[in-house]
Structures are given as structure tokens and as C-alpha cells.
């Protein structure tokens, strides 16, 4: 499983960004996909996860109501729409894949994309 994340960058507080993660393997559609993030000096944390058919979606409490995860199995891509960004959302965001649902220790990780939110 190879994951390639994109879409990070610099945004002002209150703005929006959309992250994308493309999976290059042939079994993408059977995996759960998600996002973790790691802010400077902090531990890596779960952000959002979605099962292969989109039937189950989970969010961290800190992003509920602001972030939306979705996937397009035809394009082997998962998205993270981030609205109402806050400075505390500043982190490196990692795309992950897991077998059934996104767990605390997904076996597959992308390279990460930086998101910086200025106040």
C-alpha cells in the first residue's frame, strides 16, 4: 500500500484547506482510510477515519463539525476537507490505511503534508 498525500499549506484562521491522499495499490477500495496529525512537541493523534464503503466515519472531538472526511473509491483517493481552521490545527497531517477500520496503529502511512494555520 503506497499513500501519497497532498494539499497542505499555509492558511489563515477561519479559512479552509482540502487534503487529498491517493493510494496506488490495487486493493485501495477494501481498506479503511484516515488521517492522523502531529503538532510540534506533541504526540501523533487521530483526526478522522472512514471505512471502505463510507458506512462508518469517525472524528476526533477537536475537529468534529469542522472537518469532513470522504473517499472516492473510483479514484483511489480519500479527502479531508478542513473548514474553520484554527492555529491549533497546525501540524503535519498523515494519510493512513488500515484493514477494516482506522485503529490507533494503522499499518500503512503516507509521507505527511504540512498544514500551518496563522492567527
N, C-alpha and C. Protein backbone atom coordinates (compact mmCIF):
# COMPACT_ATOMS: atom_id res chain seq x y z
N UNK A 1 0.85 -1.18 0.00
CA UNK A 1 0.00 0.00 0.00
C UNK A 1 0.89 1.24 0.00
N UNK A 2 0.73 2.07 -1.00
CA UNK A 2 1.50 3.31 -1.07
C UNK A 2 0.55 4.49 -1.06
N UNK A 3 0.81 5.42 -0.15
CA UNK A 3 -0.08 6.55 0.06
C UNK A 3 0.67 7.84 -0.23
N UNK A 4 0.03 8.71 -0.99
CA UNK A 4 0.64 9.99 -1.35
C UNK A 4 -0.33 11.11 -0.98
N UNK A 5 0.04 11.88 0.04
CA UNK A 5 -0.82 12.98 0.50
C UNK A 5 -0.41 14.29 -0.17
N UNK A 6 -1.39 15.15 -0.34
CA UNK A 6 -1.14 16.47 -0.91
C UNK A 6 -2.20 17.44 -0.41
N UNK A 7 -1.96 18.73 -0.66
CA UNK A 7 -2.97 19.73 -0.34
C UNK A 7 -2.69 20.56 0.89
N UNK A 8 -1.62 20.28 1.59
CA UNK A 8 -1.30 21.09 2.74
C UNK A 8 -0.81 22.47 2.33
N UNK A 9 -0.57 23.31 3.32
CA UNK A 9 -0.07 24.63 3.03
C UNK A 9 -0.32 25.57 4.18
N UNK A 10 -0.28 26.84 3.85
CA UNK A 10 -0.46 27.90 4.84
C UNK A 10 -1.84 28.51 4.68
N UNK A 11 -2.55 28.67 5.79
CA UNK A 11 -3.88 29.26 5.76
C UNK A 11 -4.06 30.16 6.98
N UNK A 12 -4.95 31.11 6.85
CA UNK A 12 -5.28 31.96 7.99
C UNK A 12 -6.38 31.30 8.80
N UNK A 13 -6.46 31.65 10.04
CA UNK A 13 -7.53 31.14 10.90
C UNK A 13 -8.88 31.46 10.28
N UNK A 14 -9.75 30.46 10.29
CA UNK A 14 -11.07 30.62 9.70
C UNK A 14 -11.17 30.18 8.26
N UNK A 15 -10.04 29.97 7.63
CA UNK A 15 -10.02 29.56 6.22
C UNK A 15 -10.19 28.05 6.10
N UNK A 16 -10.15 27.58 4.85
CA UNK A 16 -10.34 26.16 4.57
C UNK A 16 -9.18 25.62 3.74
N UNK A 17 -8.92 24.35 3.93
CA UNK A 17 -7.97 23.61 3.10
C UNK A 17 -8.55 22.23 2.86
N UNK A 18 -8.16 21.63 1.75
CA UNK A 18 -8.57 20.25 1.49
C UNK A 18 -7.33 19.41 1.23
N UNK A 19 -7.20 18.36 2.00
CA UNK A 19 -6.12 17.40 1.81
C UNK A 19 -6.62 16.24 0.96
N UNK A 20 -5.74 15.71 0.16
CA UNK A 20 -6.05 14.53 -0.65
C UNK A 20 -4.99 13.47 -0.38
N UNK A 21 -5.40 12.24 -0.54
CA UNK A 21 -4.46 11.12 -0.38
C UNK A 21 -4.80 10.07 -1.42
N UNK A 22 -3.87 9.84 -2.30
CA UNK A 22 -4.06 8.85 -3.35
C UNK A 22 -3.33 7.57 -2.98
N UNK A 23 -3.99 6.45 -3.21
CA UNK A 23 -3.40 5.14 -2.93
C UNK A 23 -3.13 4.45 -4.26
N UNK A 24 -1.92 3.97 -4.39
CA UNK A 24 -1.50 3.45 -5.69
C UNK A 24 -1.65 1.95 -5.84
N UNK A 25 -2.04 1.24 -4.75
CA UNK A 25 -2.19 -0.19 -4.85
C UNK A 25 -3.50 -0.59 -5.50
N UNK A 26 -3.70 -1.85 -5.66
CA UNK A 26 -4.90 -2.35 -6.33
C UNK A 26 -6.01 -2.70 -5.36
N UNK A 27 -5.73 -2.66 -4.06
CA UNK A 27 -6.74 -3.08 -3.09
C UNK A 27 -7.24 -1.92 -2.26
N UNK A 28 -7.09 -0.70 -2.76
CA UNK A 28 -7.49 0.50 -2.02
C UNK A 28 -8.91 0.40 -1.50
N UNK A 29 -9.82 -0.02 -2.37
CA UNK A 29 -11.23 0.08 -2.02
C UNK A 29 -11.63 -0.83 -0.87
N UNK A 30 -10.78 -1.75 -0.48
CA UNK A 30 -11.14 -2.64 0.62
C UNK A 30 -10.61 -2.15 1.96
N UNK A 31 -9.82 -1.10 1.95
CA UNK A 31 -9.21 -0.62 3.18
C UNK A 31 -9.97 0.55 3.78
N UNK A 32 -9.89 0.62 5.10
CA UNK A 32 -10.29 1.84 5.77
C UNK A 32 -9.18 2.87 5.57
N UNK A 33 -9.56 4.13 5.49
CA UNK A 33 -8.59 5.20 5.28
C UNK A 33 -8.81 6.27 6.33
N UNK A 34 -7.77 7.04 6.57
CA UNK A 34 -7.94 8.09 7.56
C UNK A 34 -6.78 9.06 7.60
N UNK A 35 -6.85 9.91 8.61
CA UNK A 35 -5.82 10.93 8.80
C UNK A 35 -5.42 11.01 10.27
N UNK A 36 -4.13 11.14 10.48
CA UNK A 36 -3.57 11.48 11.77
C UNK A 36 -2.82 12.80 11.60
N UNK A 37 -2.47 13.41 12.71
CA UNK A 37 -1.65 14.62 12.66
C UNK A 37 -0.70 14.66 13.85
N UNK A 38 0.38 15.39 13.65
CA UNK A 38 1.34 15.57 14.73
C UNK A 38 1.79 17.02 14.73
N UNK A 39 1.50 17.68 15.83
CA UNK A 39 1.92 19.06 16.02
C UNK A 39 3.29 19.08 16.67
N UNK A 40 4.03 20.17 16.53
CA UNK A 40 5.36 20.26 17.13
C UNK A 40 5.31 20.03 18.63
N UNK A 41 6.14 19.12 19.10
CA UNK A 41 6.22 18.84 20.52
C UNK A 41 5.08 18.01 21.08
N UNK A 42 4.21 17.53 20.22
CA UNK A 42 3.07 16.74 20.69
C UNK A 42 3.09 15.36 20.06
N UNK A 43 2.32 14.47 20.66
CA UNK A 43 2.21 13.13 20.12
C UNK A 43 1.30 13.12 18.89
N UNK A 44 1.52 12.15 18.08
CA UNK A 44 0.66 11.98 16.92
C UNK A 44 -0.75 11.62 17.38
N UNK A 45 -1.77 12.18 16.73
CA UNK A 45 -3.14 11.93 17.16
C UNK A 45 -4.05 11.63 15.97
N UNK A 46 -5.06 10.84 16.24
CA UNK A 46 -6.07 10.51 15.25
C UNK A 46 -6.90 11.76 14.92
N UNK A 47 -7.24 11.92 13.65
CA UNK A 47 -8.08 13.03 13.22
C UNK A 47 -9.42 12.53 12.69
N UNK A 48 -9.38 11.62 11.73
CA UNK A 48 -10.62 11.13 11.12
C UNK A 48 -10.36 9.80 10.43
N UNK A 49 -11.41 8.99 10.33
CA UNK A 49 -11.29 7.70 9.66
C UNK A 49 -12.59 7.35 8.96
N UNK A 50 -12.49 6.58 7.88
CA UNK A 50 -13.65 6.19 7.11
C UNK A 50 -13.45 4.76 6.62
N UNK A 51 -14.47 3.93 6.77
CA UNK A 51 -14.39 2.54 6.30
C UNK A 51 -14.47 2.50 4.78
N UNK A 52 -14.20 1.31 4.24
CA UNK A 52 -14.06 1.19 2.79
C UNK A 52 -15.31 1.62 2.04
N UNK A 53 -16.49 1.37 2.62
CA UNK A 53 -17.72 1.73 1.91
C UNK A 53 -18.31 3.03 2.41
N UNK A 54 -17.60 3.73 3.27
CA UNK A 54 -18.07 5.01 3.78
C UNK A 54 -19.18 4.90 4.80
N UNK A 55 -19.52 3.68 5.22
CA UNK A 55 -20.65 3.49 6.13
C UNK A 55 -20.34 3.93 7.55
N UNK A 56 -19.08 3.95 7.91
CA UNK A 56 -18.70 4.35 9.26
C UNK A 56 -17.62 5.41 9.18
N UNK A 57 -17.86 6.53 9.84
CA UNK A 57 -16.93 7.65 9.84
C UNK A 57 -16.72 8.09 11.29
N UNK A 58 -15.49 8.34 11.64
CA UNK A 58 -15.16 8.80 12.99
C UNK A 58 -14.31 10.05 12.92
N UNK A 59 -14.48 10.90 13.91
CA UNK A 59 -13.69 12.12 14.01
C UNK A 59 -13.18 12.30 15.43
N UNK A 60 -12.04 12.94 15.54
CA UNK A 60 -11.60 13.39 16.84
C UNK A 60 -12.52 14.52 17.30
N UNK A 61 -12.73 14.60 18.59
CA UNK A 61 -13.63 15.63 19.12
C UNK A 61 -13.17 17.04 18.72
N UNK A 62 -11.89 17.20 18.61
CA UNK A 62 -11.34 18.53 18.32
C UNK A 62 -11.66 19.03 16.91
N UNK A 63 -12.07 18.13 16.01
CA UNK A 63 -12.33 18.55 14.64
C UNK A 63 -13.78 18.32 14.22
N UNK A 64 -14.58 17.72 15.08
CA UNK A 64 -15.99 17.47 14.74
C UNK A 64 -16.70 18.77 14.40
N UNK A 65 -17.47 18.72 13.31
CA UNK A 65 -18.21 19.90 12.88
C UNK A 65 -17.40 20.84 12.01
N UNK A 66 -16.08 20.62 11.93
CA UNK A 66 -15.23 21.49 11.10
C UNK A 66 -14.57 20.71 9.96
N UNK A 67 -14.21 19.47 10.20
CA UNK A 67 -13.54 18.64 9.20
C UNK A 67 -14.50 17.59 8.68
N UNK A 68 -14.33 17.26 7.40
CA UNK A 68 -15.14 16.22 6.78
C UNK A 68 -14.23 15.29 5.98
N UNK A 69 -14.32 14.01 6.28
CA UNK A 69 -13.56 13.02 5.53
C UNK A 69 -14.48 12.36 4.51
N UNK A 70 -13.95 12.09 3.35
CA UNK A 70 -14.72 11.42 2.31
C UNK A 70 -13.76 10.62 1.44
N UNK A 71 -14.32 9.77 0.61
CA UNK A 71 -13.46 8.98 -0.27
C UNK A 71 -14.15 8.75 -1.60
N UNK A 72 -13.32 8.62 -2.61
CA UNK A 72 -13.79 8.29 -3.95
C UNK A 72 -13.06 7.02 -4.35
N UNK A 73 -13.73 5.89 -4.22
CA UNK A 73 -13.08 4.62 -4.50
C UNK A 73 -12.73 4.47 -5.97
N UNK A 74 -13.44 5.15 -6.84
CA UNK A 74 -13.11 5.10 -8.26
C UNK A 74 -11.78 5.76 -8.56
N UNK A 75 -11.39 6.71 -7.72
CA UNK A 75 -10.13 7.43 -7.90
C UNK A 75 -9.08 6.99 -6.89
N UNK A 76 -9.43 6.00 -6.05
CA UNK A 76 -8.48 5.55 -5.02
C UNK A 76 -7.97 6.71 -4.16
N UNK A 77 -8.87 7.60 -3.81
CA UNK A 77 -8.47 8.82 -3.12
C UNK A 77 -9.37 9.08 -1.93
N UNK A 78 -8.76 9.52 -0.85
CA UNK A 78 -9.50 9.96 0.33
C UNK A 78 -9.21 11.45 0.53
N UNK A 79 -10.20 12.17 1.01
CA UNK A 79 -10.08 13.61 1.18
C UNK A 79 -10.34 13.99 2.64
N UNK A 80 -9.77 15.11 3.02
CA UNK A 80 -10.07 15.71 4.31
C UNK A 80 -10.34 17.19 4.06
N UNK A 81 -11.60 17.55 4.11
CA UNK A 81 -11.99 18.95 3.97
C UNK A 81 -11.92 19.60 5.34
N UNK A 82 -11.09 20.61 5.46
CA UNK A 82 -10.87 21.26 6.75
C UNK A 82 -11.39 22.69 6.66
N UNK A 83 -12.44 22.96 7.40
CA UNK A 83 -13.04 24.29 7.44
C UNK A 83 -12.82 24.93 8.80
N UNK A 84 -13.02 26.22 8.86
CA UNK A 84 -12.88 26.97 10.11
C UNK A 84 -11.58 26.61 10.82
N UNK A 85 -10.51 26.65 10.08
CA UNK A 85 -9.22 26.25 10.63
C UNK A 85 -8.81 27.13 11.80
N UNK A 86 -8.12 26.50 12.75
CA UNK A 86 -7.62 27.18 13.94
C UNK A 86 -6.11 27.03 14.00
N UNK A 87 -5.43 27.94 14.68
CA UNK A 87 -3.97 27.79 14.82
C UNK A 87 -3.58 26.44 15.42
N UNK A 88 -4.42 25.91 16.30
CA UNK A 88 -4.09 24.61 16.91
C UNK A 88 -4.24 23.44 15.95
N UNK A 89 -4.73 23.69 14.74
CA UNK A 89 -4.76 22.65 13.72
C UNK A 89 -3.41 22.52 13.01
N UNK A 90 -2.50 23.43 13.29
CA UNK A 90 -1.17 23.37 12.69
C UNK A 90 -0.48 22.07 13.07
N UNK A 91 -0.08 21.32 12.04
CA UNK A 91 0.53 20.01 12.27
C UNK A 91 0.95 19.43 10.93
N UNK A 92 1.70 18.36 11.01
CA UNK A 92 1.92 17.53 9.83
C UNK A 92 0.80 16.50 9.80
N UNK A 93 0.11 16.43 8.68
CA UNK A 93 -1.02 15.52 8.54
C UNK A 93 -0.59 14.30 7.73
N UNK A 94 -0.93 13.13 8.28
CA UNK A 94 -0.55 11.87 7.66
C UNK A 94 -1.79 11.11 7.21
N UNK A 95 -1.75 10.66 6.00
CA UNK A 95 -2.77 9.76 5.50
C UNK A 95 -2.41 8.34 5.93
N UNK A 96 -3.43 7.57 6.32
CA UNK A 96 -3.19 6.19 6.77
C UNK A 96 -4.19 5.25 6.13
N UNK A 97 -3.82 3.98 6.10
CA UNK A 97 -4.72 2.92 5.66
C UNK A 97 -4.70 1.80 6.68
N UNK A 98 -5.84 1.19 6.85
CA UNK A 98 -5.96 0.10 7.80
C UNK A 98 -6.89 -0.95 7.21
N UNK A 99 -6.97 -2.09 7.87
CA UNK A 99 -7.64 -3.22 7.24
C UNK A 99 -9.16 -3.14 7.25
N UNK A 100 -9.76 -2.84 8.38
CA UNK A 100 -11.23 -2.81 8.49
C UNK A 100 -11.69 -1.42 8.91
N UNK A 101 -11.10 -0.93 9.98
CA UNK A 101 -11.36 0.43 10.43
C UNK A 101 -10.04 1.03 10.87
N UNK A 102 -9.98 2.35 10.92
CA UNK A 102 -8.74 3.01 11.30
C UNK A 102 -8.55 2.84 12.80
N UNK A 103 -7.49 2.17 13.17
CA UNK A 103 -7.18 1.93 14.57
C UNK A 103 -6.12 2.91 15.06
N UNK A 104 -5.66 2.72 16.27
CA UNK A 104 -4.64 3.61 16.82
C UNK A 104 -3.27 3.37 16.19
N UNK A 105 -3.10 2.23 15.56
CA UNK A 105 -1.80 1.88 14.96
C UNK A 105 -2.01 1.35 13.54
N UNK A 106 -2.35 2.22 12.62
CA UNK A 106 -2.54 1.76 11.25
C UNK A 106 -1.24 1.20 10.68
N UNK A 107 -1.30 0.16 9.89
CA UNK A 107 -0.07 -0.43 9.36
C UNK A 107 0.56 0.36 8.22
N UNK A 108 -0.22 1.21 7.55
CA UNK A 108 0.32 1.92 6.39
C UNK A 108 0.16 3.43 6.55
N UNK A 109 1.25 4.13 6.26
CA UNK A 109 1.30 5.58 6.45
C UNK A 109 1.84 6.26 5.20
N UNK A 110 1.30 7.43 4.90
CA UNK A 110 1.86 8.26 3.86
C UNK A 110 2.97 9.12 4.43
N UNK A 111 3.53 9.99 3.60
CA UNK A 111 4.71 10.74 3.99
C UNK A 111 4.40 11.99 4.80
N UNK A 112 3.16 12.42 4.86
CA UNK A 112 2.81 13.60 5.62
C UNK A 112 2.81 14.87 4.78
N UNK A 113 1.91 15.77 5.13
CA UNK A 113 1.85 17.07 4.47
C UNK A 113 1.63 18.13 5.54
N UNK A 114 2.36 19.22 5.44
CA UNK A 114 2.33 20.26 6.47
C UNK A 114 1.13 21.17 6.29
N UNK A 115 0.44 21.41 7.39
CA UNK A 115 -0.63 22.40 7.44
C UNK A 115 -0.26 23.42 8.51
N UNK A 116 -0.22 24.67 8.13
CA UNK A 116 0.12 25.75 9.05
C UNK A 116 -1.00 26.78 9.04
N UNK A 117 -1.56 27.04 10.21
CA UNK A 117 -2.66 27.99 10.33
C UNK A 117 -2.19 29.18 11.16
N UNK A 118 -2.26 30.34 10.57
CA UNK A 118 -1.82 31.55 11.27
C UNK A 118 -3.02 32.28 11.86
N UNK A 119 -2.77 32.93 12.98
CA UNK A 119 -3.86 33.63 13.67
C UNK A 119 -4.03 35.04 13.13
